[in-house]
Amino acid sequence: MAKSNKHDIVNNPFHYGSGKIECIDYIKQILGSKGFVAYCRGNVMKYNHRAMHKNATPVEDLKKAQQYLTWANETLEEIHK
């Protein structure tokens, strides 16, 4: 995954990079590419479903859904190279 030192609640939250490996990279490593795509697709569904039902603005959840969709597409491109 593309890493950035800039704090971004959607793409680079502080609590996801506290170890030696980013949490999302660890998940991908453990699940494998196909499992990771399924995981990302599930998160896209989750964030889309709840975006309009939370008290806060739905923008953050929709951006999270978009990020998971991006990761799924990037991984699918890696698989099909």
C-alpha atoms as a PDB file:
ATOM      1  CA  MET A   1       0.000   0.000   0.000  1.00  0.00           C
ATOM      2  CA  ALA A   2       1.169   3.525  -0.604  1.00  0.00           C
ATOM      3  CA  LYS A   3       2.451   4.980   2.636  1.00  0.00           C
ATOM      4  CA  SER A   4       2.435   8.576   3.719  1.00  0.00           C
ATOM      5  CA  ASN A   5       3.695  10.281   6.847  1.00  0.00           C
ATOM      6  CA  LYS A   6       0.826  12.784   6.658  1.00  0.00           C
ATOM      7  CA  HIS A   7      -2.054  12.119   9.052  1.00  0.00           C
ATOM      8  CA  ASP A   8      -5.221  11.243   7.190  1.00  0.00           C
ATOM      9  CA  ILE A   9      -8.100   9.650   9.110  1.00  0.00           C
ATOM     10  CA  VAL A  10      -9.144   7.611   6.047  1.00  0.00           C
ATOM     11  CA  ASN A  11      -5.903   6.625   4.317  1.00  0.00           C
ATOM     12  CA  ASN A  12      -3.305   6.881   7.080  1.00  0.00           C
ATOM     13  CA  PRO A  13      -4.772   6.963  10.597  1.00  0.00           C
ATOM     14  CA  PHE A  14      -2.177   7.127  13.393  1.00  0.00           C
ATOM     15  CA  HIS A  15      -3.391   3.969  15.126  1.00  0.00           C
ATOM     16  CA  TYR A  16      -2.892   1.782  12.028  1.00  0.00           C
ATOM     17  CA  GLY A  17       0.851   2.320  11.726  1.00  0.00           C
ATOM     18  CA  SER A  18       2.040   1.886  15.283  1.00  0.00           C
ATOM     19  CA  GLY A  19       3.900  -1.384  14.678  1.00  0.00           C
ATOM     20  CA  LYS A  20       6.629  -2.448  12.290  1.00  0.00           C
ATOM     21  CA  ILE A  21       4.100  -3.140   9.531  1.00  0.00           C
ATOM     22  CA  GLU A  22       0.928  -1.272   8.576  1.00  0.00           C
ATOM     23  CA  CYS A  23      -2.159  -3.150   9.743  1.00  0.00           C
ATOM     24  CA  ILE A  24      -3.605  -3.296   6.208  1.00  0.00           C
ATOM     25  CA  ASP A  25      -0.364  -4.808   4.866  1.00  0.00           C
ATOM     26  CA  TYR A  26      -0.417  -7.417   7.640  1.00  0.00           C
ATOM     27  CA  ILE A  27      -4.018  -8.329   6.805  1.00  0.00           C
ATOM     28  CA  LYS A  28      -3.129  -8.710   3.127  1.00  0.00           C
ATOM     29  CA  GLN A  29      -0.109 -10.840   3.987  1.00  0.00           C
ATOM     30  CA  ILE A  30      -2.140 -13.169   6.210  1.00  0.00           C
ATOM     31  CA  LEU A  31      -5.204 -13.454   3.949  1.00  0.00           C
ATOM     32  CA  GLY A  32      -3.366 -13.697   0.636  1.00  0.00           C
ATOM     33  CA  SER A  33      -4.405 -11.747  -2.433  1.00  0.00           C
ATOM     34  CA  LYS A  34      -7.781 -13.373  -3.062  1.00  0.00           C
ATOM     35  CA  GLY A  35      -8.744 -13.293   0.604  1.00  0.00           C
ATOM     36  CA  PHE A  36      -7.673  -9.671   0.804  1.00  0.00           C
ATOM     37  CA  VAL A  37      -9.883  -8.730  -2.149  1.00  0.00           C
ATOM     38  CA  ALA A  38     -12.846 -10.396  -0.408  1.00  0.00           C
ATOM     39  CA  TYR A  39     -11.990  -8.540   2.815  1.00  0.00           C
ATOM     40  CA  CYS A  40     -11.860  -5.219   0.965  1.00  0.00           C
ATOM     41  CA  ARG A  41     -15.138  -5.867  -0.830  1.00  0.00           C
ATOM     42  CA  GLY A  42     -16.781  -6.648   2.507  1.00  0.00           C
ATOM     43  CA  ASN A  43     -15.518  -3.368   3.926  1.00  0.00           C
ATOM     44  CA  VAL A  44     -16.814  -1.474   0.887  1.00  0.00           C
ATOM     45  CA  MET A  45     -20.261  -2.931   1.582  1.00  0.00           C
ATOM     46  CA  LYS A  46     -20.016  -2.136   5.305  1.00  0.00           C
ATOM     47  CA  TYR A  47     -18.999   1.496   4.852  1.00  0.00           C
ATOM     48  CA  ASN A  48     -21.548   2.098   2.092  1.00  0.00           C
ATOM     49  CA  HIS A  49     -24.330   0.552   4.157  1.00  0.00           C
ATOM     50  CA  ARG A  50     -23.739   2.548   7.306  1.00  0.00           C
ATOM     51  CA  ALA A  51     -22.661   5.869   5.774  1.00  0.00           C
ATOM     52  CA  MET A  52     -26.136   7.362   5.686  1.00  0.00           C
ATOM     53  CA  HIS A  53     -27.144   6.006   9.107  1.00  0.00           C
ATOM     54  CA  LYS A  54     -24.494   7.566  11.320  1.00  0.00           C
ATOM     55  CA  ASN A  55     -24.886  10.851  13.152  1.00  0.00           C
ATOM     56  CA  ALA A  56     -21.785  12.327  11.545  1.00  0.00           C
ATOM     57  CA  THR A  57     -21.387  13.263   7.901  1.00  0.00           C
ATOM     58  CA  PRO A  58     -21.369  10.257   5.553  1.00  0.00           C
ATOM     59  CA  VAL A  59     -18.365  11.620   3.656  1.00  0.00           C
ATOM     60  CA  GLU A  60     -15.781   9.896   5.855  1.00  0.00           C
ATOM     61  CA  ASP A  61     -17.387   6.467   5.528  1.00  0.00           C
ATOM     62  CA  LEU A  62     -17.783   6.881   1.777  1.00  0.00           C
ATOM     63  CA  LYS A  63     -14.110   7.833   1.493  1.00  0.00           C
ATOM     64  CA  LYS A  64     -13.212   4.718   3.486  1.00  0.00           C
ATOM     65  CA  ALA A  65     -15.335   2.613   1.133  1.00  0.00           C
ATOM     66  CA  GLN A  66     -13.545   4.212  -1.799  1.00  0.00           C
ATOM     67  CA  GLN A  67     -10.136   3.406  -0.269  1.00  0.00           C
ATOM     68  CA  TYR A  68     -11.056  -0.247   0.205  1.00  0.00           C
ATOM     69  CA  LEU A  69     -12.306  -0.396  -3.376  1.00  0.00           C
ATOM     70  CA  THR A  70      -8.994   1.073  -4.546  1.00  0.00           C
ATOM     71  CA  TRP A  71      -7.051  -1.551  -2.582  1.00  0.00           C
ATOM     72  CA  ALA A  72      -9.231  -4.322  -4.022  1.00  0.00           C
ATOM     73  CA  ASN A  73      -8.657  -3.066  -7.564  1.00  0.00           C
ATOM     74  CA  GLU A  74      -4.905  -2.689  -7.032  1.00  0.00           C
ATOM     75  CA  THR A  75      -4.711  -6.231  -5.709  1.00  0.00           C
ATOM     76  CA  LEU A  76      -6.771  -7.613  -8.581  1.00  0.00           C
ATOM     77  CA  GLU A  77      -4.424  -5.882 -11.012  1.00  0.00           C
ATOM     78  CA  GLU A  78      -1.475  -7.561  -9.242  1.00  0.00           C
ATOM     79  CA  ILE A  79      -3.171 -10.950  -9.501  1.00  0.00           C
ATOM     80  CA  HIS A  80      -3.937 -10.578 -13.206  1.00  0.00           C
ATOM     81  CA  LYS A  81      -0.566  -9.308 -14.383  1.00  0.00           C
END
